[in-house]
Amino acid sequence: MTDAQSPPRRGRPPKVERDFSDTRAALIRCGMELLTEQGFMTTGIDTVLKRVGVPKGSFYHYFESKEAFGQAVLEAFAGYFARKLDRWFLQDDVAPLQRLVDFVEDAKAGMARYAFCRGCLVGNLGQEVSLLPESFRLQLEATLCDWQARLARCLVAARDAGELAPDADCEALAAFFWIGWEGAIQRARLTRDNVPLDIFIKGFLAGLPR
């Protein structure tokens, strides 16, 4: 006795989980590229789908909404940037303040590589925060606080190494850095050169308590 077999299904074979994950990741990467160049509100979903090669109408297969897509992009960018900060700030064989300088030099090279068309995704979204859902404001602030904490640890290392005064408020200095840094990035996109970044880091280092 043989088991009855169902007739083969027509159409495309079902997608496997890897295909779903790869396509979703590609959409997020594309979103990171576009949102560092332009705002969230002006970035159309169709543009993202076309660039990745995903059929129109398939977007909601990967994300519940454009808001969910933006949150996923922001989360991915925050993770990427946190890893970059750790790569520079946790170099035990480099003096702590030099680690910060090296991070700035890397950022300058990145800005020039893309002809100053790409900025900071967090900074770009921050400029649109009044137009974005409340969830973005909370996520953006949490991301900046995370960056501040990573830099504060580097500055504590500088204080312990005698590069900063014993009473230096490393948490406040880290907050000050990121507030100014985001403005310097925006100004560099306007001037299309690294002069604003050079001015900012020079001023920041000169104002540190020694």
N, C-alpha and C. Protein backbone atom coordinates (compact mmCIF):
# COMPACT_ATOMS: atom_id res chain seq x y z
N MET A 1 0.86 -1.19 0.00
CA MET A 1 0.00 0.00 0.00
C MET A 1 0.89 1.23 0.00
N THR A 2 0.62 2.15 -0.88
CA THR A 2 1.44 3.36 -0.99
C THR A 2 0.69 4.52 -0.38
N ASP A 3 1.48 5.49 0.19
CA ASP A 3 0.87 6.69 0.76
C ASP A 3 0.45 7.63 -0.35
N ALA A 4 -0.69 8.24 -0.17
CA ALA A 4 -1.15 9.22 -1.15
C ALA A 4 -0.25 10.45 -1.08
N GLN A 5 0.14 10.96 -2.21
CA GLN A 5 1.01 12.13 -2.25
C GLN A 5 0.23 13.33 -2.79
N SER A 6 0.48 14.47 -2.16
CA SER A 6 -0.18 15.70 -2.63
C SER A 6 0.46 16.14 -3.92
N PRO A 7 -0.31 16.66 -4.85
CA PRO A 7 0.25 17.16 -6.10
C PRO A 7 1.19 18.32 -5.82
N PRO A 8 2.23 18.50 -6.62
CA PRO A 8 3.17 19.61 -6.39
C PRO A 8 2.46 20.95 -6.52
N ARG A 9 2.86 21.90 -5.66
CA ARG A 9 2.25 23.23 -5.69
C ARG A 9 2.81 24.04 -6.85
N ARG A 10 1.96 24.85 -7.41
CA ARG A 10 2.41 25.70 -8.51
C ARG A 10 3.02 26.98 -7.98
N GLY A 11 3.74 27.62 -8.85
CA GLY A 11 4.33 28.91 -8.47
C GLY A 11 5.73 28.75 -7.91
N ARG A 12 6.21 29.81 -7.29
CA ARG A 12 7.56 29.83 -6.76
C ARG A 12 7.67 28.92 -5.54
N PRO A 13 8.83 28.32 -5.34
CA PRO A 13 9.03 27.52 -4.13
C PRO A 13 8.99 28.42 -2.90
N PRO A 14 8.59 27.89 -1.77
CA PRO A 14 8.53 28.73 -0.57
C PRO A 14 9.90 29.25 -0.19
N LYS A 15 9.93 30.48 0.33
CA LYS A 15 11.20 31.06 0.75
C LYS A 15 11.68 30.37 2.02
N VAL A 16 12.97 30.16 2.11
CA VAL A 16 13.53 29.60 3.33
C VAL A 16 13.89 30.76 4.25
N GLU A 17 14.10 30.44 5.52
CA GLU A 17 14.37 31.48 6.51
C GLU A 17 15.60 32.31 6.15
N ARG A 18 16.61 31.66 5.57
CA ARG A 18 17.82 32.38 5.20
C ARG A 18 17.53 33.45 4.18
N ASP A 19 16.66 33.14 3.19
CA ASP A 19 16.30 34.12 2.18
C ASP A 19 15.61 35.32 2.81
N PHE A 20 14.71 35.05 3.73
CA PHE A 20 14.00 36.13 4.43
C PHE A 20 14.98 37.01 5.18
N SER A 21 15.87 36.38 5.94
CA SER A 21 16.84 37.13 6.74
C SER A 21 17.79 37.94 5.86
N ASP A 22 18.26 37.34 4.78
CA ASP A 22 19.18 38.04 3.89
C ASP A 22 18.52 39.25 3.24
N THR A 23 17.28 39.07 2.79
CA THR A 23 16.58 40.18 2.14
C THR A 23 16.28 41.28 3.13
N ARG A 24 15.86 40.90 4.31
CA ARG A 24 15.57 41.90 5.35
C ARG A 24 16.84 42.68 5.70
N ALA A 25 17.94 41.96 5.83
CA ALA A 25 19.22 42.61 6.13
C ALA A 25 19.63 43.57 5.01
N ALA A 26 19.39 43.17 3.76
CA ALA A 26 19.72 44.03 2.61
C ALA A 26 18.88 45.30 2.63
N LEU A 27 17.61 45.18 2.99
CA LEU A 27 16.75 46.35 3.08
C LEU A 27 17.23 47.30 4.18
N ILE A 28 17.65 46.73 5.30
CA ILE A 28 18.15 47.55 6.39
C ILE A 28 19.44 48.26 5.99
N ARG A 29 20.35 47.54 5.32
CA ARG A 29 21.60 48.17 4.87
C ARG A 29 21.32 49.31 3.90
N CYS A 30 20.39 49.08 3.00
CA CYS A 30 20.02 50.13 2.05
C CYS A 30 19.42 51.32 2.79
N GLY A 31 18.59 51.04 3.78
CA GLY A 31 18.02 52.11 4.58
C GLY A 31 19.08 52.92 5.29
N MET A 32 20.11 52.27 5.79
CA MET A 32 21.20 52.98 6.45
C MET A 32 21.90 53.92 5.47
N GLU A 33 22.12 53.44 4.25
CA GLU A 33 22.78 54.27 3.24
C GLU A 33 21.94 55.49 2.89
N LEU A 34 20.66 55.26 2.66
CA LEU A 34 19.79 56.35 2.23
C LEU A 34 19.54 57.35 3.36
N LEU A 35 19.35 56.85 4.57
CA LEU A 35 19.02 57.74 5.67
C LEU A 35 20.21 58.53 6.17
N THR A 36 21.43 58.10 5.84
CA THR A 36 22.59 58.92 6.16
C THR A 36 22.79 60.02 5.12
N GLU A 37 22.13 59.88 3.98
CA GLU A 37 22.21 60.89 2.94
C GLU A 37 21.02 61.85 2.97
N GLN A 38 19.85 61.34 3.35
CA GLN A 38 18.64 62.14 3.35
C GLN A 38 17.78 61.76 4.54
N GLY A 39 16.70 62.48 4.74
CA GLY A 39 15.88 62.25 5.91
C GLY A 39 14.96 61.05 5.79
N PHE A 40 14.42 60.66 6.92
CA PHE A 40 13.49 59.53 6.97
C PHE A 40 12.19 59.88 6.25
N MET A 41 11.72 61.08 6.46
CA MET A 41 10.44 61.48 5.89
C MET A 41 10.48 61.55 4.37
N THR A 42 11.63 61.89 3.82
CA THR A 42 11.74 62.03 2.36
C THR A 42 12.20 60.75 1.67
N THR A 43 12.53 59.74 2.45
CA THR A 43 12.96 58.47 1.87
C THR A 43 11.73 57.60 1.63
N GLY A 44 11.46 57.33 0.38
CA GLY A 44 10.30 56.51 0.03
C GLY A 44 10.63 55.03 0.09
N ILE A 45 9.67 54.26 0.53
CA ILE A 45 9.86 52.81 0.60
C ILE A 45 10.13 52.23 -0.78
N ASP A 46 9.46 52.78 -1.79
CA ASP A 46 9.67 52.29 -3.16
C ASP A 46 11.13 52.43 -3.59
N THR A 47 11.77 53.51 -3.15
CA THR A 47 13.18 53.71 -3.49
C THR A 47 14.05 52.61 -2.90
N VAL A 48 13.78 52.27 -1.66
CA VAL A 48 14.53 51.21 -0.99
C VAL A 48 14.31 49.87 -1.70
N LEU A 49 13.05 49.56 -1.98
CA LEU A 49 12.73 48.29 -2.62
C LEU A 49 13.38 48.18 -4.00
N LYS A 50 13.34 49.27 -4.74
CA LYS A 50 13.91 49.26 -6.09
C LYS A 50 15.41 49.05 -6.04
N ARG A 51 16.08 49.71 -5.10
CA ARG A 51 17.53 49.60 -5.03
C ARG A 51 17.96 48.19 -4.63
N VAL A 52 17.19 47.55 -3.77
CA VAL A 52 17.53 46.20 -3.32
C VAL A 52 17.05 45.14 -4.32
N GLY A 53 16.07 45.52 -5.15
CA GLY A 53 15.54 44.55 -6.11
C GLY A 53 14.42 43.70 -5.55
N VAL A 54 13.67 44.27 -4.61
CA VAL A 54 12.54 43.57 -4.00
C VAL A 54 11.26 44.07 -4.67
N PRO A 55 10.38 43.18 -5.07
CA PRO A 55 9.15 43.60 -5.76
C PRO A 55 8.30 44.53 -4.89
N LYS A 56 7.65 45.47 -5.54
CA LYS A 56 6.72 46.34 -4.83
C LYS A 56 5.61 45.49 -4.21
N GLY A 57 5.16 45.90 -3.09
CA GLY A 57 4.13 45.14 -2.41
C GLY A 57 4.67 44.11 -1.44
N SER A 58 5.99 43.88 -1.50
CA SER A 58 6.60 42.88 -0.62
C SER A 58 7.13 43.47 0.68
N PHE A 59 7.11 44.78 0.78
CA PHE A 59 7.70 45.44 1.94
C PHE A 59 7.12 44.93 3.25
N TYR A 60 5.81 44.81 3.31
CA TYR A 60 5.16 44.44 4.57
C TYR A 60 5.35 42.96 4.91
N HIS A 61 6.00 42.25 4.03
CA HIS A 61 6.41 40.88 4.35
C HIS A 61 7.60 40.89 5.30
N TYR A 62 8.37 42.00 5.26
CA TYR A 62 9.58 42.10 6.06
C TYR A 62 9.43 43.04 7.25
N PHE A 63 8.57 44.05 7.13
CA PHE A 63 8.39 45.03 8.20
C PHE A 63 6.90 45.36 8.33
N GLU A 64 6.46 45.55 9.57
CA GLU A 64 5.05 45.84 9.80
C GLU A 64 4.64 47.20 9.27
N SER A 65 5.58 48.14 9.26
CA SER A 65 5.28 49.51 8.85
C SER A 65 6.57 50.23 8.52
N LYS A 66 6.46 51.42 7.98
CA LYS A 66 7.65 52.22 7.72
C LYS A 66 8.31 52.61 9.04
N GLU A 67 7.51 52.82 10.07
CA GLU A 67 8.07 53.13 11.39
C GLU A 67 8.92 51.96 11.89
N ALA A 68 8.42 50.74 11.74
CA ALA A 68 9.18 49.57 12.17
C ALA A 68 10.46 49.43 11.36
N PHE A 69 10.40 49.76 10.08
CA PHE A 69 11.58 49.73 9.23
C PHE A 69 12.60 50.75 9.73
N GLY A 70 12.16 51.97 10.01
CA GLY A 70 13.07 53.00 10.50
C GLY A 70 13.71 52.62 11.82
N GLN A 71 12.94 52.00 12.69
CA GLN A 71 13.48 51.57 13.97
C GLN A 71 14.54 50.48 13.79
N ALA A 72 14.29 49.57 12.85
CA ALA A 72 15.26 48.51 12.57
C ALA A 72 16.54 49.09 11.99
N VAL A 73 16.41 50.08 11.12
CA VAL A 73 17.58 50.74 10.53
C VAL A 73 18.37 51.45 11.62
N LEU A 74 17.67 52.16 12.49
CA LEU A 74 18.34 52.88 13.56
C LEU A 74 19.05 51.92 14.51
N GLU A 75 18.40 50.82 14.82
CA GLU A 75 19.02 49.82 15.69
C GLU A 75 20.29 49.23 15.06
N ALA A 76 20.22 48.96 13.76
CA ALA A 76 21.38 48.42 13.06
C ALA A 76 22.52 49.43 13.04
N PHE A 77 22.18 50.69 12.79
CA PHE A 77 23.21 51.73 12.75
C PHE A 77 23.84 51.91 14.13
N ALA A 78 23.01 51.90 15.16
CA ALA A 78 23.52 52.06 16.52
C ALA A 78 24.50 50.95 16.86
N GLY A 79 24.17 49.72 16.47
CA GLY A 79 25.06 48.60 16.73
C GLY A 79 26.36 48.71 15.96
N TYR A 80 26.24 49.09 14.68
CA TYR A 80 27.43 49.28 13.84
C TYR A 80 28.34 50.35 14.42
N PHE A 81 27.76 51.46 14.85
CA PHE A 81 28.57 52.58 15.33
C PHE A 81 29.17 52.26 16.70
N ALA A 82 28.44 51.53 17.51
CA ALA A 82 28.97 51.14 18.82
C ALA A 82 30.21 50.26 18.64
N ARG A 83 30.15 49.36 17.68
CA ARG A 83 31.32 48.52 17.42
C ARG A 83 32.50 49.35 16.93
N LYS A 84 32.19 50.36 16.14
CA LYS A 84 33.26 51.25 15.66
C LYS A 84 33.89 52.01 16.83
N LEU A 85 33.07 52.52 17.72
CA LEU A 85 33.59 53.23 18.88
C LEU A 85 34.47 52.32 19.72
N ASP A 86 34.02 51.10 19.94
CA ASP A 86 34.83 50.17 20.73
C ASP A 86 36.16 49.88 20.06
N ARG A 87 36.13 49.81 18.73
CA ARG A 87 37.37 49.52 18.01
C ARG A 87 38.41 50.61 18.28
N TRP A 88 37.97 51.85 18.39
CA TRP A 88 38.91 52.94 18.64
C TRP A 88 39.14 53.19 20.12
N PHE A 89 38.08 53.17 20.92
CA PHE A 89 38.19 53.59 22.32
C PHE A 89 38.77 52.52 23.25
N LEU A 90 38.79 51.27 22.81
CA LEU A 90 39.27 50.19 23.69
C LEU A 90 40.66 49.70 23.32
N GLN A 91 41.42 50.51 22.61
CA GLN A 91 42.78 50.12 22.23
C GLN A 91 43.73 50.34 23.41
N ASP A 92 44.02 49.28 24.11
CA ASP A 92 44.84 49.41 25.32
C ASP A 92 46.27 49.86 25.03
N ASP A 93 46.75 49.65 23.80
CA ASP A 93 48.12 50.01 23.47
C ASP A 93 48.24 51.43 22.95
N VAL A 94 47.13 52.19 22.99
CA VAL A 94 47.13 53.58 22.52
C VAL A 94 46.68 54.48 23.67
N ALA A 95 47.33 55.63 23.84
CA ALA A 95 46.94 56.57 24.88
C ALA A 95 45.47 56.95 24.71
N PRO A 96 44.69 57.05 25.79
CA PRO A 96 43.25 57.27 25.69
C PRO A 96 42.83 58.47 24.84
N LEU A 97 43.46 59.62 25.03
CA LEU A 97 43.07 60.78 24.24
C LEU A 97 43.45 60.60 22.77
N GLN A 98 44.51 59.87 22.51
CA GLN A 98 44.88 59.60 21.12
C GLN A 98 43.84 58.71 20.47
N ARG A 99 43.21 57.84 21.25
CA ARG A 99 42.13 57.00 20.71
C ARG A 99 41.00 57.87 20.17
N LEU A 100 40.68 58.93 20.90
CA LEU A 100 39.63 59.84 20.45
C LEU A 100 40.05 60.56 19.18
N VAL A 101 41.29 60.99 19.14
CA VAL A 101 41.80 61.65 17.93
C VAL A 101 41.76 60.69 16.75
N ASP A 102 42.12 59.46 16.97
CA ASP A 102 42.11 58.47 15.89
C ASP A 102 40.68 58.22 15.38
N PHE A 103 39.73 58.21 16.29
CA PHE A 103 38.33 58.07 15.88
C PHE A 103 37.91 59.24 14.99
N VAL A 104 38.30 60.43 15.37
CA VAL A 104 37.96 61.62 14.57
C VAL A 104 38.60 61.54 13.19
N GLU A 105 39.84 61.12 13.14
CA GLU A 105 40.52 61.00 11.84
C GLU A 105 39.83 59.97 10.96
N ASP A 106 39.38 58.89 11.55
CA ASP A 106 38.64 57.87 10.79
C ASP A 106 37.32 58.44 10.27
N ALA A 107 36.65 59.21 11.11
CA ALA A 107 35.39 59.82 10.69
C ALA A 107 35.61 60.82 9.56
N LYS A 108 36.67 61.57 9.63
CA LYS A 108 37.00 62.53 8.57
C LYS A 108 37.24 61.80 7.25
N ALA A 109 37.94 60.70 7.31
CA ALA A 109 38.20 59.92 6.10
C ALA A 109 36.89 59.39 5.52
N GLY A 110 35.98 58.96 6.40
CA GLY A 110 34.69 58.46 5.94
C GLY A 110 33.85 59.55 5.30
N MET A 111 33.86 60.73 5.87
CA MET A 111 33.11 61.84 5.28
C MET A 111 33.64 62.17 3.89
N ALA A 112 34.96 62.23 3.76
CA ALA A 112 35.56 62.55 2.47
C ALA A 112 35.30 61.45 1.45
N ARG A 113 35.29 60.20 1.91
CA ARG A 113 35.08 59.06 1.00
C ARG A 113 33.75 59.17 0.27
N TYR A 114 32.75 59.69 0.94
CA TYR A 114 31.42 59.82 0.33
C TYR A 114 31.11 61.26 -0.05
N ALA A 115 32.17 62.04 -0.28
CA ALA A 115 32.05 63.41 -0.78
C ALA A 115 31.15 64.26 0.10
N PHE A 116 31.16 63.98 1.40
CA PHE A 116 30.41 64.75 2.40
C PHE A 116 28.90 64.73 2.16
N CYS A 117 28.44 63.70 1.44
CA CYS A 117 26.99 63.55 1.21
C CYS A 117 26.33 62.79 2.35
N ARG A 118 27.10 61.97 3.05
CA ARG A 118 26.55 61.18 4.15
C ARG A 118 26.92 61.81 5.48
N GLY A 119 25.93 61.89 6.34
CA GLY A 119 26.18 62.41 7.67
C GLY A 119 26.01 61.31 8.70
N CYS A 120 25.53 61.68 9.86
CA CYS A 120 25.26 60.71 10.92
C CYS A 120 23.77 60.41 10.91
N LEU A 121 23.42 59.16 10.82
CA LEU A 121 22.00 58.80 10.75
C LEU A 121 21.26 59.29 11.99
N VAL A 122 21.89 59.20 13.15
CA VAL A 122 21.25 59.67 14.38
C VAL A 122 21.03 61.18 14.31
N GLY A 123 22.04 61.90 13.83
CA GLY A 123 21.90 63.34 13.70
C GLY A 123 20.82 63.73 12.70
N ASN A 124 20.77 63.00 11.58
CA ASN A 124 19.74 63.28 10.57
C ASN A 124 18.35 63.07 11.13
N LEU A 125 18.15 61.96 11.82
CA LEU A 125 16.83 61.69 12.40
C LEU A 125 16.51 62.68 13.52
N GLY A 126 17.55 63.09 14.25
CA GLY A 126 17.33 64.06 15.31
C GLY A 126 16.77 65.37 14.79
N GLN A 127 17.17 65.75 13.59
CA GLN A 127 16.66 66.99 13.00
C GLN A 127 15.19 66.87 12.61
N GLU A 128 14.73 65.65 12.43
CA GLU A 128 13.34 65.42 12.04
C GLU A 128 12.47 64.98 13.22
N VAL A 129 13.01 65.00 14.41
CA VAL A 129 12.35 64.34 15.54
C VAL A 129 10.93 64.85 15.78
N SER A 130 10.67 66.12 15.49
CA SER A 130 9.33 66.65 15.72
C SER A 130 8.31 66.08 14.75
N LEU A 131 8.78 65.49 13.65
CA LEU A 131 7.89 64.91 12.65
C LEU A 131 7.79 63.39 12.77
N LEU A 132 8.63 62.80 13.61
CA LEU A 132 8.70 61.35 13.72
C LEU A 132 7.85 60.84 14.88
N PRO A 133 7.47 59.57 14.84
CA PRO A 133 6.75 58.98 15.98
C PRO A 133 7.57 59.09 17.26
N GLU A 134 6.90 59.11 18.39
CA GLU A 134 7.55 59.26 19.69
C GLU A 134 8.60 58.18 19.93
N SER A 135 8.40 57.00 19.38
CA SER A 135 9.34 55.90 19.59
C SER A 135 10.74 56.25 19.10
N PHE A 136 10.83 57.08 18.06
CA PHE A 136 12.13 57.46 17.53
C PHE A 136 12.88 58.34 18.51
N ARG A 137 12.19 59.26 19.15
CA ARG A 137 12.84 60.17 20.10
C ARG A 137 13.50 59.37 21.22
N LEU A 138 12.79 58.41 21.76
CA LEU A 138 13.33 57.60 22.84
C LEU A 138 14.51 56.75 22.36
N GLN A 139 14.39 56.20 21.16
CA GLN A 139 15.46 55.35 20.62
C GLN A 139 16.69 56.18 20.31
N LEU A 140 16.51 57.38 19.78
CA LEU A 140 17.64 58.25 19.47
C LEU A 140 18.37 58.66 20.74
N GLU A 141 17.62 59.04 21.76
CA GLU A 141 18.24 59.46 23.01
C GLU A 141 18.99 58.30 23.65
N ALA A 142 18.43 57.11 23.61
CA ALA A 142 19.11 55.94 24.17
C ALA A 142 20.41 55.66 23.43
N THR A 143 20.40 55.85 22.11
CA THR A 143 21.61 55.62 21.31
C THR A 143 22.70 56.62 21.68
N LEU A 144 22.33 57.88 21.79
CA LEU A 144 23.32 58.90 22.15
C LEU A 144 23.86 58.68 23.55
N CYS A 145 23.01 58.25 24.47
CA CYS A 145 23.47 57.97 25.83
C CYS A 145 24.45 56.80 25.83
N ASP A 146 24.23 55.83 24.97
CA ASP A 146 25.15 54.71 24.85
C ASP A 146 26.51 55.18 24.34
N TRP A 147 26.50 56.05 23.33
CA TRP A 147 27.76 56.57 22.80
C TRP A 147 28.49 57.39 23.86
N GLN A 148 27.73 58.17 24.62
CA GLN A 148 28.33 58.97 25.68
C GLN A 148 29.01 58.08 26.71
N ALA A 149 28.35 56.99 27.07
CA ALA A 149 28.92 56.09 28.07
C ALA A 149 30.22 55.47 27.58
N ARG A 150 30.28 55.13 26.30
CA ARG A 150 31.50 54.54 25.75
C ARG A 150 32.65 55.55 25.74
N LEU A 151 32.35 56.79 25.37
CA LEU A 151 33.39 57.81 25.40
C LEU A 151 33.78 58.15 26.83
N ALA A 152 32.81 58.18 27.74
CA ALA A 152 33.11 58.49 29.13
C ALA A 152 34.11 57.49 29.71
N ARG A 153 33.96 56.22 29.35
CA ARG A 153 34.91 55.22 29.84
C ARG A 153 36.31 55.47 29.30
N CYS A 154 36.37 55.91 28.05
CA CYS A 154 37.67 56.25 27.46
C CYS A 154 38.29 57.46 28.19
N LEU A 155 37.46 58.43 28.51
CA LEU A 155 37.95 59.62 29.22
C LEU A 155 38.36 59.27 30.65
N VAL A 156 37.65 58.34 31.28
CA VAL A 156 38.07 57.87 32.61
C VAL A 156 39.45 57.24 32.52
N ALA A 157 39.69 56.48 31.46
CA ALA A 157 41.01 55.89 31.26
C ALA A 157 42.06 56.99 31.10
N ALA A 158 41.68 58.08 30.41
CA ALA A 158 42.60 59.21 30.24
C ALA A 158 42.88 59.87 31.59
N ARG A 159 41.84 59.97 32.41
CA ARG A 159 42.02 60.55 33.75
C ARG A 159 42.92 59.67 34.60
N ASP A 160 42.69 58.37 34.53
CA ASP A 160 43.53 57.44 35.31
C ASP A 160 44.97 57.46 34.84
N ALA A 161 45.17 57.76 33.56
CA ALA A 161 46.53 57.78 33.00
C ALA A 161 47.22 59.12 33.23
N GLY A 162 46.52 60.07 33.85
CA GLY A 162 47.11 61.38 34.12
C GLY A 162 46.98 62.36 32.97
N GLU A 163 46.21 61.99 31.93
CA GLU A 163 46.02 62.92 30.80
C GLU A 163 44.98 63.99 31.12
N LEU A 164 44.13 63.72 32.09
CA LEU A 164 43.11 64.68 32.53
C LEU A 164 43.27 64.94 34.01
N ALA A 165 42.73 66.04 34.45
CA ALA A 165 42.79 66.39 35.86
C ALA A 165 42.04 65.36 36.70
N PRO A 166 42.47 65.14 37.93
CA PRO A 166 41.82 64.13 38.79
C PRO A 166 40.33 64.38 39.01
N ASP A 167 39.91 65.65 38.95
CA ASP A 167 38.50 65.98 39.19
C ASP A 167 37.71 66.16 37.90
N ALA A 168 38.25 65.72 36.77
CA ALA A 168 37.55 65.86 35.49
C ALA A 168 36.24 65.09 35.51
N ASP A 169 35.16 65.73 35.10
CA ASP A 169 33.84 65.10 35.03
C ASP A 169 33.71 64.42 33.66
N CYS A 170 34.09 63.17 33.59
CA CYS A 170 34.15 62.48 32.30
C CYS A 170 32.78 62.29 31.66
N GLU A 171 31.75 62.08 32.48
CA GLU A 171 30.41 61.92 31.93
C GLU A 171 29.94 63.21 31.26
N ALA A 172 30.17 64.34 31.92
CA ALA A 172 29.76 65.63 31.35
C ALA A 172 30.57 65.95 30.10
N LEU A 173 31.85 65.64 30.12
CA LEU A 173 32.70 65.90 28.96
C LEU A 173 32.26 65.05 27.77
N ALA A 174 31.86 63.81 28.03
CA ALA A 174 31.39 62.94 26.95
C ALA A 174 30.09 63.46 26.36
N ALA A 175 29.19 63.93 27.22
CA ALA A 175 27.93 64.50 26.73
C ALA A 175 28.22 65.74 25.88
N PHE A 176 29.14 66.58 26.35
CA PHE A 176 29.50 67.79 25.61
C PHE A 176 30.07 67.44 24.24
N PHE A 177 30.91 66.39 24.21
CA PHE A 177 31.52 66.00 22.94
C PHE A 177 30.45 65.65 21.91
N TRP A 178 29.49 64.79 22.26
CA TRP A 178 28.52 64.33 21.27
C TRP A 178 27.57 65.43 20.85
N ILE A 179 27.25 66.34 21.76
CA ILE A 179 26.40 67.48 21.37
C ILE A 179 27.12 68.31 20.30
N GLY A 180 28.39 68.59 20.55
CA GLY A 180 29.15 69.38 19.58
C GLY A 180 29.49 68.61 18.32
N TRP A 181 29.77 67.32 18.46
CA TRP A 181 30.16 66.51 17.32
C TRP A 181 29.05 66.44 16.27
N GLU A 182 27.83 66.24 16.70
CA GLU A 182 26.72 66.17 15.75
C GLU A 182 26.58 67.48 14.98
N GLY A 183 26.79 68.59 15.65
CA GLY A 183 26.75 69.88 14.95
C GLY A 183 27.89 70.03 13.96
N ALA A 184 29.07 69.54 14.34
CA ALA A 184 30.23 69.63 13.45
C ALA A 184 30.02 68.78 12.20
N ILE A 185 29.39 67.61 12.36
CA ILE A 185 29.10 66.76 11.21
C ILE A 185 28.16 67.47 10.24
N GLN A 186 27.13 68.08 10.77
CA GLN A 186 26.19 68.79 9.91
C GLN A 186 26.87 69.95 9.19
N ARG A 187 27.72 70.66 9.89
CA ARG A 187 28.43 71.80 9.27
C ARG A 187 29.39 71.31 8.19
N ALA A 188 30.02 70.17 8.41
CA ALA A 188 30.94 69.62 7.40
C ALA A 188 30.20 69.26 6.12
N ARG A 189 28.96 68.82 6.26
CA ARG A 189 28.16 68.52 5.06
C ARG A 189 27.84 69.79 4.30
N LEU A 190 27.69 70.89 5.03
CA LEU A 190 27.41 72.18 4.38
C LEU A 190 28.63 72.72 3.66
N THR A 191 29.78 72.67 4.34
CA THR A 191 31.00 73.22 3.76
C THR A 191 31.68 72.24 2.80
N ARG A 192 31.28 70.97 2.90
CA ARG A 192 31.87 69.91 2.09
C ARG A 192 33.38 69.81 2.25
N ASP A 193 33.78 69.93 3.50
CA ASP A 193 35.17 69.70 3.87
C ASP A 193 35.22 69.35 5.36
N ASN A 194 36.40 68.99 5.82
CA ASN A 194 36.56 68.55 7.21
C ASN A 194 36.94 69.67 8.17
N VAL A 195 36.93 70.90 7.71
CA VAL A 195 37.33 72.01 8.57
C VAL A 195 36.50 72.07 9.85
N PRO A 196 35.16 71.94 9.79
CA PRO A 196 34.39 71.99 11.03
C PRO A 196 34.79 70.89 12.03
N LEU A 197 35.12 69.71 11.53
CA LEU A 197 35.54 68.64 12.43
C LEU A 197 36.89 68.94 13.06
N ASP A 198 37.78 69.53 12.27
CA ASP A 198 39.09 69.91 12.81
C ASP A 198 38.94 70.99 13.89
N ILE A 199 38.09 71.97 13.62
CA ILE A 199 37.87 73.06 14.59
C ILE A 199 37.28 72.49 15.87
N PHE A 200 36.32 71.60 15.73
CA PHE A 200 35.67 71.07 16.92
C PHE A 200 36.62 70.25 17.78
N ILE A 201 37.34 69.30 17.19
CA ILE A 201 38.19 68.45 18.01
C ILE A 201 39.34 69.26 18.62
N LYS A 202 39.83 70.24 17.89
CA LYS A 202 40.89 71.09 18.45
C LYS A 202 40.37 71.85 19.66
N GLY A 203 39.16 72.40 19.54
CA GLY A 203 38.58 73.14 20.65
C GLY A 203 38.24 72.23 21.83
N PHE A 204 37.74 71.04 21.53
CA PHE A 204 37.39 70.11 22.60
C PHE A 204 38.63 69.71 23.40
N LEU A 205 39.69 69.35 22.69
CA LEU A 205 40.91 68.93 23.37
C LEU A 205 41.53 70.08 24.16
N ALA A 206 41.46 71.29 23.60
CA ALA A 206 42.04 72.44 24.28
C ALA A 206 41.28 72.79 25.57
N GLY A 207 40.00 72.48 25.58
CA GLY A 207 39.20 72.81 26.76
C GLY A 207 39.16 71.74 27.83
N LEU A 208 39.82 70.61 27.61
CA LEU A 208 39.81 69.55 28.61
C LEU A 208 40.59 69.97 29.86
N PRO A 209 40.09 69.64 31.03
CA PRO A 209 40.82 69.97 32.26
C PRO A 209 42.07 69.10 32.41
N ARG A 210 43.19 69.75 32.55
CA ARG A 210 44.47 69.01 32.60
C ARG A 210 45.04 69.06 34.03
